[in-house]
PDB file of N, CA and C in Angstrom:
ATOM      1  N   MET A   1      -0.728  11.967 -18.594  1.00  0.00           N
ATOM      2  CA  MET A   1       0.233  12.034 -17.500  1.00  0.00           C
ATOM      3  C   MET A   1      -0.461  12.438 -16.195  1.00  0.00           C
ATOM      4  N   TYR A   2      -1.501  13.276 -16.281  1.00  0.00           N
ATOM      5  CA  TYR A   2      -2.160  13.729 -15.064  1.00  0.00           C
ATOM      6  C   TYR A   2      -2.745  12.564 -14.273  1.00  0.00           C
ATOM      7  N   TRP A   3      -3.430  11.645 -14.981  1.00  0.00           N
ATOM      8  CA  TRP A   3      -4.054  10.534 -14.264  1.00  0.00           C
ATOM      9  C   TRP A   3      -3.001   9.669 -13.591  1.00  0.00           C
ATOM     10  N   GLU A   4      -1.821   9.560 -14.190  1.00  0.00           N
ATOM     11  CA  GLU A   4      -0.763   8.746 -13.595  1.00  0.00           C
ATOM     12  C   GLU A   4      -0.303   9.340 -12.269  1.00  0.00           C
ATOM     13  N   SER A   5      -0.068  10.648 -12.253  1.00  0.00           N
ATOM     14  CA  SER A   5       0.380  11.262 -11.007  1.00  0.00           C
ATOM     15  C   SER A   5      -0.725  11.217  -9.962  1.00  0.00           C
ATOM     16  N   SER A   6      -1.969  11.305 -10.399  1.00  0.00           N
ATOM     17  CA  SER A   6      -3.090  11.204  -9.475  1.00  0.00           C
ATOM     18  C   SER A   6      -3.144   9.812  -8.842  1.00  0.00           C
ATOM     19  N   TYR A   7      -2.988   8.767  -9.652  1.00  0.00           N
ATOM     20  CA  TYR A   7      -2.979   7.400  -9.135  1.00  0.00           C
ATOM     21  C   TYR A   7      -1.787   7.159  -8.214  1.00  0.00           C
ATOM     22  N   LEU A   8      -0.631   7.671  -8.605  1.00  0.00           N
ATOM     23  CA  LEU A   8       0.558   7.478  -7.767  1.00  0.00           C
ATOM     24  C   LEU A   8       0.413   8.218  -6.437  1.00  0.00           C
ATOM     25  N   LYS A   9      -0.179   9.390  -6.460  1.00  0.00           N
ATOM     26  CA  LYS A   9      -0.405  10.132  -5.224  1.00  0.00           C
ATOM     27  C   LYS A   9      -1.347   9.356  -4.309  1.00  0.00           C
ATOM     28  N   LYS A  10      -2.431   8.815  -4.879  1.00  0.00           N
ATOM     29  CA  LYS A  10      -3.375   8.014  -4.093  1.00  0.00           C
ATOM     30  C   LYS A  10      -2.684   6.754  -3.573  1.00  0.00           C
ATOM     31  N   SER A  11      -1.887   6.138  -4.415  1.00  0.00           N
ATOM     32  CA  SER A  11      -1.185   4.924  -4.005  1.00  0.00           C
ATOM     33  C   SER A  11      -0.229   5.213  -2.858  1.00  0.00           C
ATOM     34  N   ASN A  12       0.495   6.299  -2.936  1.00  0.00           N
ATOM     35  CA  ASN A  12       1.411   6.664  -1.851  1.00  0.00           C
ATOM     36  C   ASN A  12       0.657   6.907  -0.555  1.00  0.00           C
ATOM     37  N   TYR A  13      -0.506   7.542  -0.645  1.00  0.00           N
ATOM     38  CA  TYR A  13      -1.323   7.779   0.541  1.00  0.00           C
ATOM     39  C   TYR A  13      -1.772   6.447   1.152  1.00  0.00           C
ATOM     40  N   GLU A  14      -2.238   5.542   0.310  1.00  0.00           N
ATOM     41  CA  GLU A  14      -2.678   4.233   0.796  1.00  0.00           C
ATOM     42  C   GLU A  14      -1.508   3.446   1.391  1.00  0.00           C
ATOM     43  N   LEU A  15      -0.349   3.518   0.768  1.00  0.00           N
ATOM     44  CA  LEU A  15       0.825   2.830   1.310  1.00  0.00           C
ATOM     45  C   LEU A  15       1.217   3.410   2.665  1.00  0.00           C
ATOM     46  N   HIS A  16       1.058   4.722   2.811  1.00  0.00           N
ATOM     47  CA  HIS A  16       1.321   5.345   4.108  1.00  0.00           C
ATOM     48  C   HIS A  16       0.378   4.783   5.171  1.00  0.00           C
ATOM     49  N   LYS A  17      -0.917   4.677   4.834  1.00  0.00           N
ATOM     50  CA  LYS A  17      -1.884   4.131   5.776  1.00  0.00           C
ATOM     51  C   LYS A  17      -1.536   2.681   6.137  1.00  0.00           C
ATOM     52  N   ILE A  18      -1.096   1.913   5.161  1.00  0.00           N
ATOM     53  CA  ILE A  18      -0.697   0.524   5.416  1.00  0.00           C
ATOM     54  C   ILE A  18       0.508   0.503   6.351  1.00  0.00           C
ATOM     55  N   GLY A  19       1.453   1.407   6.126  1.00  0.00           N
ATOM     56  CA  GLY A  19       2.621   1.490   7.002  1.00  0.00           C
ATOM     57  C   GLY A  19       2.234   1.812   8.429  1.00  0.00           C
ATOM     58  N   VAL A  20       1.266   2.718   8.605  1.00  0.00           N
ATOM     59  CA  VAL A  20       0.774   3.050   9.943  1.00  0.00           C
ATOM     60  C   VAL A  20       0.169   1.806  10.588  1.00  0.00           C
ATOM     61  N   ASN A  21      -0.612   1.060   9.813  1.00  0.00           N
ATOM     62  CA  ASN A  21      -1.203  -0.178  10.338  1.00  0.00           C
ATOM     63  C   ASN A  21      -0.130  -1.179  10.732  1.00  0.00           C
ATOM     64  N   LEU A  22       0.895  -1.320   9.916  1.00  0.00           N
ATOM     65  CA  LEU A  22       1.983  -2.248  10.244  1.00  0.00           C
ATOM     66  C   LEU A  22       2.695  -1.835  11.527  1.00  0.00           C
ATOM     67  N   ASN A  23       2.897  -0.537  11.696  1.00  0.00           N
ATOM     68  CA  ASN A  23       3.520  -0.053  12.933  1.00  0.00           C
ATOM     69  C   ASN A  23       2.654  -0.374  14.142  1.00  0.00           C
ATOM     70  N   GLN A  24       1.351  -0.214  14.010  1.00  0.00           N
ATOM     71  CA  GLN A  24       0.443  -0.527  15.108  1.00  0.00           C
ATOM     72  C   GLN A  24       0.465  -2.027  15.429  1.00  0.00           C
ATOM     73  N   ILE A  25       0.529  -2.846  14.392  1.00  0.00           N
ATOM     74  CA  ILE A  25       0.601  -4.294  14.586  1.00  0.00           C
ATOM     75  C   ILE A  25       1.890  -4.663  15.306  1.00  0.00           C
ATOM     76  N   ALA A  26       3.007  -4.110  14.850  1.00  0.00           N
ATOM     77  CA  ALA A  26       4.295  -4.404  15.477  1.00  0.00           C
ATOM     78  C   ALA A  26       4.309  -3.961  16.936  1.00  0.00           C
ATOM     79  N   LYS A  27       3.773  -2.794  17.208  1.00  0.00           N
ATOM     80  CA  LYS A  27       3.713  -2.290  18.590  1.00  0.00           C
ATOM     81  C   LYS A  27       2.885  -3.230  19.465  1.00  0.00           C
ATOM     82  N   ALA A  28       1.751  -3.671  18.943  1.00  0.00           N
ATOM     83  CA  ALA A  28       0.885  -4.574  19.700  1.00  0.00           C
ATOM     84  C   ALA A  28       1.571  -5.911  19.955  1.00  0.00           C
ATOM     85  N   ILE A  29       2.251  -6.434  18.967  1.00  0.00           N
ATOM     86  CA  ILE A  29       2.953  -7.714  19.125  1.00  0.00           C
ATOM     87  C   ILE A  29       4.054  -7.580  20.174  1.00  0.00           C
ATOM     88  N   ASN A  30       4.791  -6.486  20.105  1.00  0.00           N
ATOM     89  CA  ASN A  30       5.895  -6.279  21.045  1.00  0.00           C
ATOM     90  C   ASN A  30       5.418  -6.025  22.472  1.00  0.00           C
ATOM     91  N   SER A  31       4.193  -5.577  22.633  1.00  0.00           N
ATOM     92  CA  SER A  31       3.680  -5.292  23.979  1.00  0.00           C
ATOM     93  C   SER A  31       2.753  -6.399  24.487  1.00  0.00           C
ATOM     94  N   ASP A  32       2.612  -7.462  23.737  1.00  0.00           N
ATOM     95  CA  ASP A  32       1.704  -8.572  24.061  1.00  0.00           C
ATOM     96  C   ASP A  32       0.255  -8.121  24.181  1.00  0.00           C
ATOM     97  N   GLU A  33      -0.053  -6.992  23.580  1.00  0.00           N
ATOM     98  CA  GLU A  33      -1.416  -6.466  23.579  1.00  0.00           C
ATOM     99  C   GLU A  33      -2.253  -7.257  22.574  1.00  0.00           C
ATOM    100  N   LYS A  34      -3.470  -7.614  22.956  1.00  0.00           N
ATOM    101  CA  LYS A  34      -4.344  -8.345  22.036  1.00  0.00           C
ATOM    102  C   LYS A  34      -4.999  -7.355  21.075  1.00  0.00           C
ATOM    103  N   VAL A  35      -4.793  -7.579  19.784  1.00  0.00           N
ATOM    104  CA  VAL A  35      -5.319  -6.680  18.769  1.00  0.00           C
ATOM    105  C   VAL A  35      -5.942  -7.507  17.656  1.00  0.00           C
ATOM    106  N   ASN A  36      -7.088  -7.057  17.181  1.00  0.00           N
ATOM    107  CA  ASN A  36      -7.734  -7.706  16.035  1.00  0.00           C
ATOM    108  C   ASN A  36      -7.412  -6.905  14.775  1.00  0.00           C
ATOM    109  N   PHE A  37      -6.873  -7.567  13.785  1.00  0.00           N
ATOM    110  CA  PHE A  37      -6.624  -6.911  12.512  1.00  0.00           C
ATOM    111  C   PHE A  37      -6.808  -7.931  11.403  1.00  0.00           C
ATOM    112  N   ASP A  38      -7.113  -7.429  10.241  1.00  0.00           N
ATOM    113  CA  ASP A  38      -7.419  -8.272   9.098  1.00  0.00           C
ATOM    114  C   ASP A  38      -6.190  -8.375   8.198  1.00  0.00           C
ATOM    115  N   LEU A  39      -5.403  -9.438   8.406  1.00  0.00           N
ATOM    116  CA  LEU A  39      -4.180  -9.627   7.618  1.00  0.00           C
ATOM    117  C   LEU A  39      -4.491  -9.844   6.145  1.00  0.00           C
ATOM    118  N   GLU A  40      -5.584 -10.519   5.859  1.00  0.00           N
ATOM    119  CA  GLU A  40      -5.944 -10.763   4.459  1.00  0.00           C
ATOM    120  C   GLU A  40      -6.249  -9.449   3.743  1.00  0.00           C
ATOM    121  N   LYS A  41      -6.950  -8.545   4.414  1.00  0.00           N
ATOM    122  CA  LYS A  41      -7.245  -7.244   3.816  1.00  0.00           C
ATOM    123  C   LYS A  41      -5.958  -6.454   3.599  1.00  0.00           C
ATOM    124  N   LEU A  42      -5.066  -6.502   4.572  1.00  0.00           N
ATOM    125  CA  LEU A  42      -3.787  -5.811   4.442  1.00  0.00           C
ATOM    126  C   LEU A  42      -2.983  -6.361   3.258  1.00  0.00           C
ATOM    127  N   ALA A  43      -2.939  -7.681   3.135  1.00  0.00           N
ATOM    128  CA  ALA A  43      -2.218  -8.306   2.021  1.00  0.00           C
ATOM    129  C   ALA A  43      -2.856  -7.920   0.684  1.00  0.00           C
ATOM    130  N   PHE A  44      -4.190  -7.893   0.640  1.00  0.00           N
ATOM    131  CA  PHE A  44      -4.891  -7.498  -0.579  1.00  0.00           C
ATOM    132  C   PHE A  44      -4.534  -6.070  -0.979  1.00  0.00           C
ATOM    133  N   GLU A  45      -4.562  -5.151  -0.008  1.00  0.00           N
ATOM    134  CA  GLU A  45      -4.242  -3.753  -0.281  1.00  0.00           C
ATOM    135  C   GLU A  45      -2.809  -3.598  -0.786  1.00  0.00           C
ATOM    136  N   LEU A  46      -1.884  -4.312  -0.166  1.00  0.00           N
ATOM    137  CA  LEU A  46      -0.488  -4.241  -0.615  1.00  0.00           C
ATOM    138  C   LEU A  46      -0.354  -4.732  -2.051  1.00  0.00           C
ATOM    139  N   LYS A  47      -0.955  -5.874  -2.354  1.00  0.00           N
ATOM    140  CA  LYS A  47      -0.876  -6.427  -3.716  1.00  0.00           C
ATOM    141  C   LYS A  47      -1.527  -5.491  -4.725  1.00  0.00           C
ATOM    142  N   TYR A  48      -2.653  -4.902  -4.345  1.00  0.00           N
ATOM    143  CA  TYR A  48      -3.349  -3.982  -5.241  1.00  0.00           C
ATOM    144  C   TYR A  48      -2.451  -2.807  -5.615  1.00  0.00           C
ATOM    145  N   HIS A  49      -1.828  -2.203  -4.621  1.00  0.00           N
ATOM    146  CA  HIS A  49      -1.009  -1.016  -4.880  1.00  0.00           C
ATOM    147  C   HIS A  49       0.292  -1.360  -5.581  1.00  0.00           C
ATOM    148  N   ILE A  50       0.862  -2.496  -5.271  1.00  0.00           N
ATOM    149  CA  ILE A  50       2.061  -2.933  -5.994  1.00  0.00           C
ATOM    150  C   ILE A  50       1.731  -3.100  -7.469  1.00  0.00           C
ATOM    151  N   ASN A  51       0.600  -3.750  -7.761  1.00  0.00           N
ATOM    152  CA  ASN A  51       0.211  -3.963  -9.157  1.00  0.00           C
ATOM    153  C   ASN A  51      -0.143  -2.664  -9.854  1.00  0.00           C
ATOM    154  N   LEU A  52      -0.782  -1.742  -9.142  1.00  0.00           N
ATOM    155  CA  LEU A  52      -1.119  -0.452  -9.730  1.00  0.00           C
ATOM    156  C   LEU A  52       0.144   0.317 -10.117  1.00  0.00           C
ATOM    157  N   VAL A  53       1.087   0.396  -9.215  1.00  0.00           N
ATOM    158  CA  VAL A  53       2.337   1.112  -9.503  1.00  0.00           C
ATOM    159  C   VAL A  53       3.100   0.398 -10.624  1.00  0.00           C
ATOM    160  N   ARG A  54       3.119  -0.931 -10.598  1.00  0.00           N
ATOM    161  CA  ARG A  54       3.792  -1.702 -11.651  1.00  0.00           C
ATOM    162  C   ARG A  54       3.176  -1.392 -13.012  1.00  0.00           C
ATOM    163  N   LYS A  55       1.837  -1.323 -13.076  1.00  0.00           N
ATOM    164  CA  LYS A  55       1.147  -1.030 -14.335  1.00  0.00           C
ATOM    165  C   LYS A  55       1.500   0.371 -14.833  1.00  0.00           C
ATOM    166  N   ILE A  56       1.469   1.341 -13.961  1.00  0.00           N
ATOM    167  CA  ILE A  56       1.782   2.719 -14.358  1.00  0.00           C
ATOM    168  C   ILE A  56       3.220   2.823 -14.841  1.00  0.00           C
ATOM    169  N   LEU A  57       4.143   2.213 -14.112  1.00  0.00           N
ATOM    170  CA  LEU A  57       5.546   2.255 -14.538  1.00  0.00           C
ATOM    171  C   LEU A  57       5.743   1.557 -15.877  1.00  0.00           C
ATOM    172  N   SER A  58       5.070   0.435 -16.063  1.00  0.00           N
ATOM    173  CA  SER A  58       5.170  -0.300 -17.323  1.00  0.00           C
ATOM    174  C   SER A  58       4.646   0.528 -18.490  1.00  0.00           C
ATOM    175  N   GLU A  59       3.507   1.186 -18.290  1.00  0.00           N
ATOM    176  CA  GLU A  59       2.946   2.022 -19.345  1.00  0.00           C
ATOM    177  C   GLU A  59       3.870   3.188 -19.673  1.00  0.00           C
ATOM    178  N   ASN A  60       4.528   3.737 -18.675  1.00  0.00           N
ATOM    179  CA  ASN A  60       5.473   4.813 -18.919  1.00  0.00           C
ATOM    180  C   ASN A  60       6.678   4.326 -19.704  1.00  0.00           C
ATOM    181  N   LEU A  61       7.169   3.156 -19.381  1.00  0.00           N
ATOM    182  CA  LEU A  61       8.330   2.604 -20.104  1.00  0.00           C
ATOM    183  C   LEU A  61       7.982   2.332 -21.555  1.00  0.00           C
ATOM    184  N   GLU A  62       6.769   1.835 -21.799  1.00  0.00           N
ATOM    185  CA  GLU A  62       6.337   1.565 -23.176  1.00  0.00           C
ATOM    186  C   GLU A  62       6.228   2.847 -23.984  1.00  0.00           C
ATOM    187  N   ARG A  63       5.856   3.928 -23.314  1.00  0.00           N
ATOM    188  CA  ARG A  63       5.685   5.204 -24.000  1.00  0.00           C
ATOM    189  C   ARG A  63       7.030   5.769 -24.458  1.00  0.00           C
ATOM    190  N   TYR A  64       8.088   5.500 -23.697  1.00  0.00           N
ATOM    191  CA  TYR A  64       9.387   6.054 -24.036  1.00  0.00           C
ATOM    192  C   TYR A  64      10.198   5.007 -24.691  1.00  0.00           C
TER     193      TYR A  64
END
């Protein structure tokens, strides 16, 4: 159980960072400011964390 909460804590932190990036992107778009960002990396990070949380939740459901 410890490793699960550790992974979920890390995942939540990473999701927070992604949210901050999304806010910065939205702000830049709304202000017509030119900003360079890596959408592919952002999409990869989102998919990674979604799959990680899905795996942990699935393993928990199987246990009970």
